[in-house]
Amino acid sequence: MSHAVEVEDLVKRYGRVEAVRGVTLEVRHGETVGYLGPNAAGKTTTIRCMLGLLRPTGGSIRVLGRDVRRDLPGVLARVGHIPGEFGLWPQLTGRGCLEYLGRLHPRPPRRRAELCDSFELSAADLDRQVRFYSRGMRQKIAIIQAFQHAPELVIMDEPTEGLDPLMKERFLDLLREHRAAGGSTLMSSHILSEVEQAADRVAVLRAGRVVKEVAARDLAGDRRRHCTVTIAGPPPDPAELRLPDAVDVRVEGNTLRFDHTGVMGPLLRALAGLPVVEFLSEPESLMEAFFDIYEEDTP
């Protein structure tokens, strides 16, 4: 059975510049994949090739079982897209933009009213010209136009730019609902905390190549852990402590803080000899793991 997205050995050159260098990537049905990397890593170029906006130099792309080169209309009829730079017609109202974009799609925009309500776009808001919209309101229109046709796959490039914290949470709820209904998502973003909440898997792109592809929970889960130990009374001198696999041990009042790698058993046995009041161990964040990967990959 085919996947929602199948990219194999994708290459895109602009003259002598190779923006994408052999990317292989897949998104399974019902899965959300985070596509991570800094500016100029090749994320947007990959997405534009997937949507037929750019012609690849090499490789193949299949979306929802269809070859993008051979059946682009069949692909776009089942896909929602939030571009990184979403342009609107300034003289049109928000409602006019949604209606015009809706007419370009073969499916009816049956979710439009529900989504406008969820993202707090009132009738008065929709009847204003978009040249008076804030950045956040424009982004709400971008989200609604992508989801209003209930697409099977949504491809997004920096989808939460300009949204306030409440609207970002509404957006994450929408992604969870989309996934629960069997929808698939490819989400390119710089906001790693959002990817950590939304994605099942992440693919890390560096200089046009995928350098890591792993389940989101595993990217941070098997790496360094940040530990905090509260002691009854003053803790011993760090130089006298024997905490296996602990690094950067620091004392702050009656609290020990350190990072730990490896198996936890020996550490817990060592802590058993101390009057521990509280012990907290947290895996490093996706952001920390992301930068660790980049450091590992730096020549």
C-alpha atoms as a PDB file:
ATOM      1  CA  MET A   1       0.000   0.000   0.000  1.00  0.00           C
ATOM      2  CA  SER A   2       1.329   3.425  -0.942  1.00  0.00           C
ATOM      3  CA  HIS A   3       1.970   6.157   1.619  1.00  0.00           C
ATOM      4  CA  ALA A   4       0.427   9.626   1.668  1.00  0.00           C
ATOM      5  CA  VAL A   5       3.779  11.085   0.531  1.00  0.00           C
ATOM      6  CA  GLU A   6       6.655   9.227  -1.107  1.00  0.00           C
ATOM      7  CA  VAL A   7       9.682  11.290  -2.112  1.00  0.00           C
ATOM      8  CA  GLU A   8      12.654   9.344  -3.471  1.00  0.00           C
ATOM      9  CA  ASP A   9      16.096  10.744  -4.326  1.00  0.00           C
ATOM     10  CA  LEU A  10      14.705  14.228  -4.954  1.00  0.00           C
ATOM     11  CA  VAL A  11      17.210  16.645  -6.497  1.00  0.00           C
ATOM     12  CA  LYS A  12      16.603  20.291  -7.375  1.00  0.00           C
ATOM     13  CA  ARG A  13      19.310  22.479  -8.892  1.00  0.00           C
ATOM     14  CA  TYR A  14      19.269  26.166  -9.740  1.00  0.00           C
ATOM     15  CA  GLY A  15      22.158  26.412 -12.168  1.00  0.00           C
ATOM     16  CA  ARG A  16      25.187  25.301 -10.173  1.00  0.00           C
ATOM     17  CA  VAL A  17      23.391  25.577  -6.838  1.00  0.00           C
ATOM     18  CA  GLU A  18      21.968  22.282  -5.558  1.00  0.00           C
ATOM     19  CA  ALA A  19      19.140  23.257  -3.200  1.00  0.00           C
ATOM     20  CA  VAL A  20      17.939  19.689  -2.593  1.00  0.00           C
ATOM     21  CA  ARG A  21      20.452  16.852  -2.809  1.00  0.00           C
ATOM     22  CA  GLY A  22      18.850  13.423  -2.912  1.00  0.00           C
ATOM     23  CA  VAL A  23      16.047  13.773  -0.346  1.00  0.00           C
ATOM     24  CA  THR A  24      14.081  10.619   0.410  1.00  0.00           C
ATOM     25  CA  LEU A  25      11.060  11.139   2.636  1.00  0.00           C
ATOM     26  CA  GLU A  26       7.733   9.498   3.378  1.00  0.00           C
ATOM     27  CA  VAL A  27       4.555  10.401   5.247  1.00  0.00           C
ATOM     28  CA  ARG A  28       2.317   7.484   6.159  1.00  0.00           C
ATOM     29  CA  HIS A  29      -1.456   7.687   6.084  1.00  0.00           C
ATOM     30  CA  GLY A  30      -2.740   9.202   9.325  1.00  0.00           C
ATOM     31  CA  GLU A  31       0.714  10.461  10.312  1.00  0.00           C
ATOM     32  CA  THR A  32       2.069  13.923  11.067  1.00  0.00           C
ATOM     33  CA  VAL A  33       5.696  14.458  10.071  1.00  0.00           C
ATOM     34  CA  GLY A  34       7.737  17.482  11.102  1.00  0.00           C
ATOM     35  CA  TYR A  35      10.192  18.687   8.469  1.00  0.00           C
ATOM     36  CA  LEU A  36      12.910  20.587  10.301  1.00  0.00           C
ATOM     37  CA  GLY A  37      15.880  22.648   9.272  1.00  0.00           C
ATOM     38  CA  PRO A  38      17.196  26.220   9.203  1.00  0.00           C
ATOM     39  CA  ASN A  39      16.645  28.727   6.413  1.00  0.00           C
ATOM     40  CA  ALA A  40      18.052  27.607   3.054  1.00  0.00           C
ATOM     41  CA  ALA A  41      18.164  23.950   4.130  1.00  0.00           C
ATOM     42  CA  GLY A  42      15.791  23.000   1.277  1.00  0.00           C
ATOM     43  CA  LYS A  43      12.466  22.578   3.101  1.00  0.00           C
ATOM     44  CA  THR A  44      10.432  25.001   0.983  1.00  0.00           C
ATOM     45  CA  THR A  45      12.015  23.746  -2.232  1.00  0.00           C
ATOM     46  CA  THR A  46      10.980  20.188  -1.342  1.00  0.00           C
ATOM     47  CA  ILE A  47       7.415  21.295  -0.650  1.00  0.00           C
ATOM     48  CA  ARG A  48       7.162  23.283  -3.878  1.00  0.00           C
ATOM     49  CA  CYS A  49       8.326  20.250  -5.848  1.00  0.00           C
ATOM     50  CA  MET A  50       5.690  18.117  -4.089  1.00  0.00           C
ATOM     51  CA  LEU A  51       2.969  20.555  -5.140  1.00  0.00           C
ATOM     52  CA  GLY A  52       4.125  20.914  -8.748  1.00  0.00           C
ATOM     53  CA  LEU A  53       5.256  24.526  -8.247  1.00  0.00           C
ATOM     54  CA  LEU A  54       8.814  23.549  -9.182  1.00  0.00           C
ATOM     55  CA  ARG A  55      10.022  20.872 -11.573  1.00  0.00           C
ATOM     56  CA  PRO A  56      12.551  18.569  -9.906  1.00  0.00           C
ATOM     57  CA  THR A  57      15.946  18.048 -11.509  1.00  0.00           C
ATOM     58  CA  GLY A  58      15.844  14.401 -10.499  1.00  0.00           C
ATOM     59  CA  GLY A  59      14.036  11.851  -8.387  1.00  0.00           C
ATOM     60  CA  SER A  60      10.350  10.981  -8.037  1.00  0.00           C
ATOM     61  CA  ILE A  61       7.410  12.216  -5.955  1.00  0.00           C
ATOM     62  CA  ARG A  62       4.131  10.418  -5.345  1.00  0.00           C
ATOM     63  CA  VAL A  63       1.363  12.041  -3.302  1.00  0.00           C
ATOM     64  CA  LEU A  64      -1.657   9.986  -2.225  1.00  0.00           C
ATOM     65  CA  GLY A  65      -0.607   7.293  -4.682  1.00  0.00           C
ATOM     66  CA  ARG A  66      -0.365   9.640  -7.679  1.00  0.00           C
ATOM     67  CA  ASP A  67       2.721  10.739  -9.565  1.00  0.00           C
ATOM     68  CA  VAL A  68       2.992  14.514  -9.216  1.00  0.00           C
ATOM     69  CA  ARG A  69       4.426  14.983 -12.717  1.00  0.00           C
ATOM     70  CA  ARG A  70       1.773  12.868 -14.423  1.00  0.00           C
ATOM     71  CA  ASP A  71      -1.367  13.708 -12.418  1.00  0.00           C
ATOM     72  CA  LEU A  72      -0.924  17.024 -10.650  1.00  0.00           C
ATOM     73  CA  PRO A  73      -4.670  17.955 -10.783  1.00  0.00           C
ATOM     74  CA  GLY A  74      -5.514  14.626  -9.134  1.00  0.00           C
ATOM     75  CA  VAL A  75      -2.994  15.378  -6.382  1.00  0.00           C
ATOM     76  CA  LEU A  76      -4.101  18.954  -5.728  1.00  0.00           C
ATOM     77  CA  ALA A  77      -7.766  17.931  -5.537  1.00  0.00           C
ATOM     78  CA  ARG A  78      -6.992  16.022  -2.312  1.00  0.00           C
ATOM     79  CA  VAL A  79      -4.385  18.284  -0.696  1.00  0.00           C
ATOM     80  CA  GLY A  80      -4.522  21.407   1.463  1.00  0.00           C
ATOM     81  CA  HIS A  81      -1.557  23.770   1.460  1.00  0.00           C
ATOM     82  CA  ILE A  82      -0.379  26.563   3.755  1.00  0.00           C
ATOM     83  CA  PRO A  83       2.556  28.319   2.054  1.00  0.00           C
ATOM     84  CA  GLY A  84       5.301  30.036   3.991  1.00  0.00           C
ATOM     85  CA  GLU A  85       4.446  33.364   2.347  1.00  0.00           C
ATOM     86  CA  PHE A  86       0.687  33.534   1.969  1.00  0.00           C
ATOM     87  CA  GLY A  87      -0.391  36.389  -0.277  1.00  0.00           C
ATOM     88  CA  LEU A  88      -3.935  37.773  -0.406  1.00  0.00           C
ATOM     89  CA  TRP A  89      -5.681  40.249  -2.669  1.00  0.00           C
ATOM     90  CA  PRO A  90      -5.751  43.468  -0.621  1.00  0.00           C
ATOM     91  CA  GLN A  91      -8.911  44.822  -2.221  1.00  0.00           C
ATOM     92  CA  LEU A  92     -10.920  41.674  -1.427  1.00  0.00           C
ATOM     93  CA  THR A  93     -12.576  40.929   1.884  1.00  0.00           C
ATOM     94  CA  GLY A  94     -11.587  37.897   3.931  1.00  0.00           C
ATOM     95  CA  ARG A  95     -14.843  36.258   2.857  1.00  0.00           C
ATOM     96  CA  GLY A  96     -14.134  37.085  -0.757  1.00  0.00           C
ATOM     97  CA  CYS A  97     -10.675  35.498  -0.563  1.00  0.00           C
ATOM     98  CA  LEU A  98     -12.062  32.309   0.969  1.00  0.00           C
ATOM     99  CA  GLU A  99     -14.849  32.117  -1.597  1.00  0.00           C
ATOM    100  CA  TYR A 100     -12.492  32.692  -4.525  1.00  0.00           C
ATOM    101  CA  LEU A 101     -10.001  30.095  -3.275  1.00  0.00           C
ATOM    102  CA  GLY A 102     -12.880  27.733  -2.562  1.00  0.00           C
ATOM    103  CA  ARG A 103     -14.080  27.926  -6.168  1.00  0.00           C
ATOM    104  CA  LEU A 104     -10.634  26.870  -7.398  1.00  0.00           C
ATOM    105  CA  HIS A 105     -10.982  23.544  -5.570  1.00  0.00           C
ATOM    106  CA  PRO A 106     -13.146  20.661  -6.853  1.00  0.00           C
ATOM    107  CA  ARG A 107     -14.417  19.814  -3.359  1.00  0.00           C
ATOM    108  CA  PRO A 108     -17.012  21.969  -1.562  1.00  0.00           C
ATOM    109  CA  PRO A 109     -15.680  24.076   1.338  1.00  0.00           C
ATOM    110  CA  ARG A 110     -17.946  22.336   3.841  1.00  0.00           C
ATOM    111  CA  ARG A 111     -15.806  23.159   6.894  1.00  0.00           C
ATOM    112  CA  ARG A 112     -15.473  26.908   6.273  1.00  0.00           C
ATOM    113  CA  ALA A 113     -18.086  28.162   8.734  1.00  0.00           C
ATOM    114  CA  GLU A 114     -16.913  25.810  11.476  1.00  0.00           C
ATOM    115  CA  LEU A 115     -13.276  26.861  11.042  1.00  0.00           C
ATOM    116  CA  CYS A 116     -14.089  30.588  10.971  1.00  0.00           C
ATOM    117  CA  ASP A 117     -15.887  30.132  14.265  1.00  0.00           C
ATOM    118  CA  SER A 118     -13.019  28.122  15.770  1.00  0.00           C
ATOM    119  CA  PHE A 119     -10.444  30.753  14.797  1.00  0.00           C
ATOM    120  CA  GLU A 120     -12.703  33.622  15.917  1.00  0.00           C
ATOM    121  CA  LEU A 121     -13.217  35.292  12.559  1.00  0.00           C
ATOM    122  CA  SER A 122     -16.559  37.041  12.940  1.00  0.00           C
ATOM    123  CA  ALA A 123     -18.864  38.123  10.124  1.00  0.00           C
ATOM    124  CA  ALA A 124     -17.553  41.666  10.589  1.00  0.00           C
ATOM    125  CA  ASP A 125     -13.971  40.441  10.304  1.00  0.00           C
ATOM    126  CA  LEU A 126     -14.745  38.471   7.140  1.00  0.00           C
ATOM    127  CA  ASP A 127     -16.436  41.478   5.532  1.00  0.00           C
ATOM    128  CA  ARG A 128     -13.381  43.732   5.990  1.00  0.00           C
ATOM    129  CA  GLN A 129     -10.834  44.154   3.221  1.00  0.00           C
ATOM    130  CA  VAL A 130      -7.735  42.090   3.960  1.00  0.00           C
ATOM    131  CA  ARG A 131      -5.495  45.137   3.518  1.00  0.00           C
ATOM    132  CA  PHE A 132      -6.710  46.076   7.002  1.00  0.00           C
ATOM    133  CA  TYR A 133      -5.906  42.641   8.464  1.00  0.00           C
ATOM    134  CA  SER A 134      -3.153  41.981  10.968  1.00  0.00           C
ATOM    135  CA  ARG A 135      -0.512  39.325  10.250  1.00  0.00           C
ATOM    136  CA  GLY A 136      -2.369  36.942  12.554  1.00  0.00           C
ATOM    137  CA  MET A 137      -5.714  37.433  10.779  1.00  0.00           C
ATOM    138  CA  ARG A 138      -4.090  36.779   7.410  1.00  0.00           C
ATOM    139  CA  GLN A 139      -2.645  33.552   8.804  1.00  0.00           C
ATOM    140  CA  LYS A 140      -6.092  32.487  10.006  1.00  0.00           C
ATOM    141  CA  ILE A 141      -7.341  32.851   6.421  1.00  0.00           C
ATOM    142  CA  ALA A 142      -4.378  30.737   5.268  1.00  0.00           C
ATOM    143  CA  ILE A 143      -5.285  27.968   7.699  1.00  0.00           C
ATOM    144  CA  ILE A 144      -8.991  28.033   6.898  1.00  0.00           C
ATOM    145  CA  GLN A 145      -8.480  27.901   3.130  1.00  0.00           C
ATOM    146  CA  ALA A 146      -6.205  24.872   3.537  1.00  0.00           C
ATOM    147  CA  PHE A 147      -8.636  22.882   5.688  1.00  0.00           C
ATOM    148  CA  GLN A 148     -12.030  24.077   4.453  1.00  0.00           C
ATOM    149  CA  HIS A 149     -12.315  21.267   1.881  1.00  0.00           C
ATOM    150  CA  ALA A 150     -11.490  18.507   4.408  1.00  0.00           C
ATOM    151  CA  PRO A 151      -8.286  17.453   2.567  1.00  0.00           C
ATOM    152  CA  GLU A 152      -6.731  14.036   3.029  1.00  0.00           C
ATOM    153  CA  LEU A 153      -3.232  15.534   3.228  1.00  0.00           C
ATOM    154  CA  VAL A 154      -2.133  18.969   4.414  1.00  0.00           C
ATOM    155  CA  ILE A 155       1.311  20.318   3.508  1.00  0.00           C
ATOM    156  CA  MET A 156       2.353  23.328   5.576  1.00  0.00           C
ATOM    157  CA  ASP A 157       5.318  25.686   5.585  1.00  0.00           C
ATOM    158  CA  GLU A 158       5.641  27.713   8.832  1.00  0.00           C
ATOM    159  CA  PRO A 159       1.868  27.506   9.505  1.00  0.00           C
ATOM    160  CA  THR A 160       1.658  29.427  12.805  1.00  0.00           C
ATOM    161  CA  GLU A 161       3.535  32.602  11.820  1.00  0.00           C
ATOM    162  CA  GLY A 162       1.762  35.591  13.372  1.00  0.00           C
ATOM    163  CA  LEU A 163      -0.709  33.624  15.520  1.00  0.00           C
ATOM    164  CA  ASP A 164      -1.107  34.471  19.193  1.00  0.00           C
ATOM    165  CA  PRO A 165      -0.707  31.659  21.777  1.00  0.00           C
ATOM    166  CA  LEU A 166      -4.451  30.907  21.952  1.00  0.00           C
ATOM    167  CA  MET A 167      -4.750  30.588  18.182  1.00  0.00           C
ATOM    168  CA  LYS A 168      -1.626  28.413  18.063  1.00  0.00           C
ATOM    169  CA  GLU A 169      -3.298  26.036  20.486  1.00  0.00           C
ATOM    170  CA  ARG A 170      -6.448  26.040  18.348  1.00  0.00           C
ATOM    171  CA  PHE A 171      -4.274  25.201  15.358  1.00  0.00           C
ATOM    172  CA  LEU A 172      -2.632  22.289  17.194  1.00  0.00           C
ATOM    173  CA  ASP A 173      -6.097  21.041  18.151  1.00  0.00           C
ATOM    174  CA  LEU A 174      -7.051  21.171  14.464  1.00  0.00           C
ATOM    175  CA  LEU A 175      -4.003  19.080  13.560  1.00  0.00           C
ATOM    176  CA  ARG A 176      -4.887  16.500  16.207  1.00  0.00           C
ATOM    177  CA  GLU A 177      -8.449  16.342  14.892  1.00  0.00           C
ATOM    178  CA  HIS A 178      -7.181  15.966  11.321  1.00  0.00           C
ATOM    179  CA  ARG A 179      -4.913  13.088  12.336  1.00  0.00           C
ATOM    180  CA  ALA A 180      -7.654  11.397  14.395  1.00  0.00           C
ATOM    181  CA  ALA A 181      -9.854  11.420  11.275  1.00  0.00           C
ATOM    182  CA  GLY A 182      -7.118   9.625   9.313  1.00  0.00           C
ATOM    183  CA  GLY A 183      -5.610  12.714   7.668  1.00  0.00           C
ATOM    184  CA  SER A 184      -1.889  13.080   6.997  1.00  0.00           C
ATOM    185  CA  THR A 185       0.308  16.135   7.508  1.00  0.00           C
ATOM    186  CA  LEU A 186       3.744  17.344   6.491  1.00  0.00           C
ATOM    187  CA  MET A 187       4.674  20.315   8.660  1.00  0.00           C
ATOM    188  CA  SER A 188       7.741  22.435   8.047  1.00  0.00           C
ATOM    189  CA  SER A 189       8.479  24.740  10.962  1.00  0.00           C
ATOM    190  CA  HIS A 190      11.174  26.574  12.905  1.00  0.00           C
ATOM    191  CA  ILE A 191       9.087  26.398  16.101  1.00  0.00           C
ATOM    192  CA  LEU A 192      10.362  23.111  17.465  1.00  0.00           C
ATOM    193  CA  SER A 193       8.109  23.075  20.531  1.00  0.00           C
ATOM    194  CA  GLU A 194       5.070  22.981  18.220  1.00  0.00           C
ATOM    195  CA  VAL A 195       6.543  20.175  16.148  1.00  0.00           C
ATOM    196  CA  GLU A 196       7.245  18.282  19.369  1.00  0.00           C
ATOM    197  CA  GLN A 197       3.568  18.526  20.306  1.00  0.00           C
ATOM    198  CA  ALA A 198       2.144  17.788  16.867  1.00  0.00           C
ATOM    199  CA  ALA A 199       4.452  15.355  15.062  1.00  0.00           C
ATOM    200  CA  ASP A 200       4.685  11.576  15.156  1.00  0.00           C
ATOM    201  CA  ARG A 201       8.023  11.653  13.337  1.00  0.00           C
ATOM    202  CA  VAL A 202      10.565  14.256  12.355  1.00  0.00           C
ATOM    203  CA  ALA A 203      12.946  14.517   9.421  1.00  0.00           C
ATOM    204  CA  VAL A 204      15.890  16.870   9.933  1.00  0.00           C
ATOM    205  CA  LEU A 205      17.229  18.567   6.819  1.00  0.00           C
ATOM    206  CA  ARG A 206      20.692  20.049   6.512  1.00  0.00           C
ATOM    207  CA  ALA A 207      22.083  21.644   3.350  1.00  0.00           C
ATOM    208  CA  GLY A 208      19.596  19.831   1.131  1.00  0.00           C
ATOM    209  CA  ARG A 209      19.994  16.385   2.725  1.00  0.00           C
ATOM    210  CA  VAL A 210      17.945  14.522   5.327  1.00  0.00           C
ATOM    211  CA  VAL A 211      20.472  13.853   8.113  1.00  0.00           C
ATOM    212  CA  LYS A 212      18.062  12.292  10.625  1.00  0.00           C
ATOM    213  CA  GLU A 213      14.614  10.720  10.452  1.00  0.00           C
ATOM    214  CA  VAL A 214      13.144   9.320  13.650  1.00  0.00           C
ATOM    215  CA  ALA A 215      10.029   9.183  15.831  1.00  0.00           C
ATOM    216  CA  ALA A 216       9.628  12.534  17.598  1.00  0.00           C
ATOM    217  CA  ARG A 217       9.612  10.878  21.038  1.00  0.00           C
ATOM    218  CA  ASP A 218      12.863   9.043  20.263  1.00  0.00           C
ATOM    219  CA  LEU A 219      14.731  12.081  19.023  1.00  0.00           C
ATOM    220  CA  ALA A 220      14.832  13.470  22.550  1.00  0.00           C
ATOM    221  CA  GLY A 221      13.877  10.443  24.616  1.00  0.00           C
ATOM    222  CA  ASP A 222      17.092   8.419  24.333  1.00  0.00           C
ATOM    223  CA  ARG A 223      19.418  11.314  24.803  1.00  0.00           C
ATOM    224  CA  ARG A 224      20.536  13.476  27.713  1.00  0.00           C
ATOM    225  CA  ARG A 225      18.213  13.969  30.692  1.00  0.00           C
ATOM    226  CA  HIS A 226      18.094  17.022  32.945  1.00  0.00           C
ATOM    227  CA  CYS A 227      17.975  15.928  36.599  1.00  0.00           C
ATOM    228  CA  THR A 228      17.042  17.858  39.736  1.00  0.00           C
ATOM    229  CA  VAL A 229      17.479  16.335  43.210  1.00  0.00           C
ATOM    230  CA  THR A 230      16.222  18.077  46.352  1.00  0.00           C
ATOM    231  CA  ILE A 231      18.033  17.010  49.540  1.00  0.00           C
ATOM    232  CA  ALA A 232      16.901  17.268  53.168  1.00  0.00           C
ATOM    233  CA  GLY A 233      19.573  19.568  54.517  1.00  0.00           C
ATOM    234  CA  PRO A 234      22.681  20.821  52.728  1.00  0.00           C
ATOM    235  CA  PRO A 235      23.922  18.458  49.976  1.00  0.00           C
ATOM    236  CA  PRO A 236      27.486  17.148  49.982  1.00  0.00           C
ATOM    237  CA  ASP A 237      30.277  18.793  48.027  1.00  0.00           C
ATOM    238  CA  PRO A 238      29.910  17.925  44.313  1.00  0.00           C
ATOM    239  CA  ALA A 239      33.546  16.778  44.300  1.00  0.00           C
ATOM    240  CA  GLU A 240      32.646  14.101  46.845  1.00  0.00           C
ATOM    241  CA  LEU A 241      29.591  12.834  45.012  1.00  0.00           C
ATOM    242  CA  ARG A 242      29.773   9.677  42.932  1.00  0.00           C
ATOM    243  CA  LEU A 243      26.891   9.987  40.492  1.00  0.00           C
ATOM    244  CA  PRO A 244      27.372   7.570  37.550  1.00  0.00           C
ATOM    245  CA  ASP A 245      27.107   9.166  34.092  1.00  0.00           C
ATOM    246  CA  ALA A 246      26.278  12.595  35.585  1.00  0.00           C
ATOM    247  CA  VAL A 247      27.835  15.694  34.064  1.00  0.00           C
ATOM    248  CA  ASP A 248      27.803  19.386  34.916  1.00  0.00           C
ATOM    249  CA  VAL A 249      26.839  18.785  38.565  1.00  0.00           C
ATOM    250  CA  ARG A 250      25.884  22.015  40.366  1.00  0.00           C
ATOM    251  CA  VAL A 251      24.619  22.829  43.849  1.00  0.00           C
ATOM    252  CA  GLU A 252      21.925  25.457  44.383  1.00  0.00           C
ATOM    253  CA  GLY A 253      20.985  25.630  48.048  1.00  0.00           C
ATOM    254  CA  ASN A 254      19.680  22.178  48.988  1.00  0.00           C
ATOM    255  CA  THR A 255      19.221  21.208  45.326  1.00  0.00           C
ATOM    256  CA  LEU A 256      21.515  19.269  43.020  1.00  0.00           C
ATOM    257  CA  ARG A 257      21.205  19.839  39.262  1.00  0.00           C
ATOM    258  CA  PHE A 258      23.014  17.810  36.619  1.00  0.00           C
ATOM    259  CA  ASP A 259      22.652  16.171  33.222  1.00  0.00           C
ATOM    260  CA  HIS A 260      22.650  12.408  32.849  1.00  0.00           C
ATOM    261  CA  THR A 261      23.143   9.980  29.986  1.00  0.00           C
ATOM    262  CA  GLY A 262      22.921   6.200  29.987  1.00  0.00           C
ATOM    263  CA  VAL A 263      21.054   3.716  32.191  1.00  0.00           C
ATOM    264  CA  MET A 264      19.309   5.205  35.234  1.00  0.00           C
ATOM    265  CA  GLY A 265      19.751   2.230  37.606  1.00  0.00           C
ATOM    266  CA  PRO A 266      23.302   3.019  38.852  1.00  0.00           C
ATOM    267  CA  LEU A 267      22.347   6.652  39.375  1.00  0.00           C
ATOM    268  CA  LEU A 268      19.271   5.740  41.424  1.00  0.00           C
ATOM    269  CA  ARG A 269      21.330   3.388  43.607  1.00  0.00           C
ATOM    270  CA  ALA A 270      23.818   6.199  44.253  1.00  0.00           C
ATOM    271  CA  LEU A 271      21.023   8.610  45.170  1.00  0.00           C
ATOM    272  CA  ALA A 272      19.570   6.033  47.593  1.00  0.00           C
ATOM    273  CA  GLY A 273      22.427   6.866  49.961  1.00  0.00           C
ATOM    274  CA  LEU A 274      21.307  10.506  50.208  1.00  0.00           C
ATOM    275  CA  PRO A 275      18.318  11.981  52.102  1.00  0.00           C
ATOM    276  CA  VAL A 276      16.399  12.690  48.874  1.00  0.00           C
ATOM    277  CA  VAL A 277      13.163  14.663  49.237  1.00  0.00           C
ATOM    278  CA  GLU A 278      12.362  14.932  45.532  1.00  0.00           C
ATOM    279  CA  PHE A 279      13.870  13.679  42.272  1.00  0.00           C
ATOM    280  CA  LEU A 280      12.924  14.990  38.834  1.00  0.00           C
ATOM    281  CA  SER A 281      14.318  13.715  35.531  1.00  0.00           C
ATOM    282  CA  GLU A 282      13.286  15.296  32.212  1.00  0.00           C
ATOM    283  CA  PRO A 283      14.455  14.367  28.701  1.00  0.00           C
ATOM    284  CA  GLU A 284      16.087  17.115  26.717  1.00  0.00           C
ATOM    285  CA  SER A 285      13.727  18.998  24.482  1.00  0.00           C
ATOM    286  CA  LEU A 286      13.366  18.449  20.770  1.00  0.00           C
ATOM    287  CA  MET A 287      15.152  21.766  20.249  1.00  0.00           C
ATOM    288  CA  GLU A 288      18.197  20.580  22.213  1.00  0.00           C
ATOM    289  CA  ALA A 289      18.251  17.275  20.344  1.00  0.00           C
ATOM    290  CA  PHE A 290      17.927  19.150  17.054  1.00  0.00           C
ATOM    291  CA  PHE A 291      21.009  21.247  17.756  1.00  0.00           C
ATOM    292  CA  ASP A 292      22.900  18.189  18.991  1.00  0.00           C
ATOM    293  CA  ILE A 293      22.254  16.552  15.616  1.00  0.00           C
ATOM    294  CA  TYR A 294      23.575  19.623  13.821  1.00  0.00           C
ATOM    295  CA  GLU A 295      26.716  19.650  15.943  1.00  0.00           C
ATOM    296  CA  GLU A 296      27.273  15.949  15.250  1.00  0.00           C
ATOM    297  CA  ASP A 297      26.920  16.556  11.516  1.00  0.00           C
ATOM    298  CA  THR A 298      29.254  19.569  11.392  1.00  0.00           C
ATOM    299  CA  PRO A 299      32.590  18.717   9.717  1.00  0.00           C
END
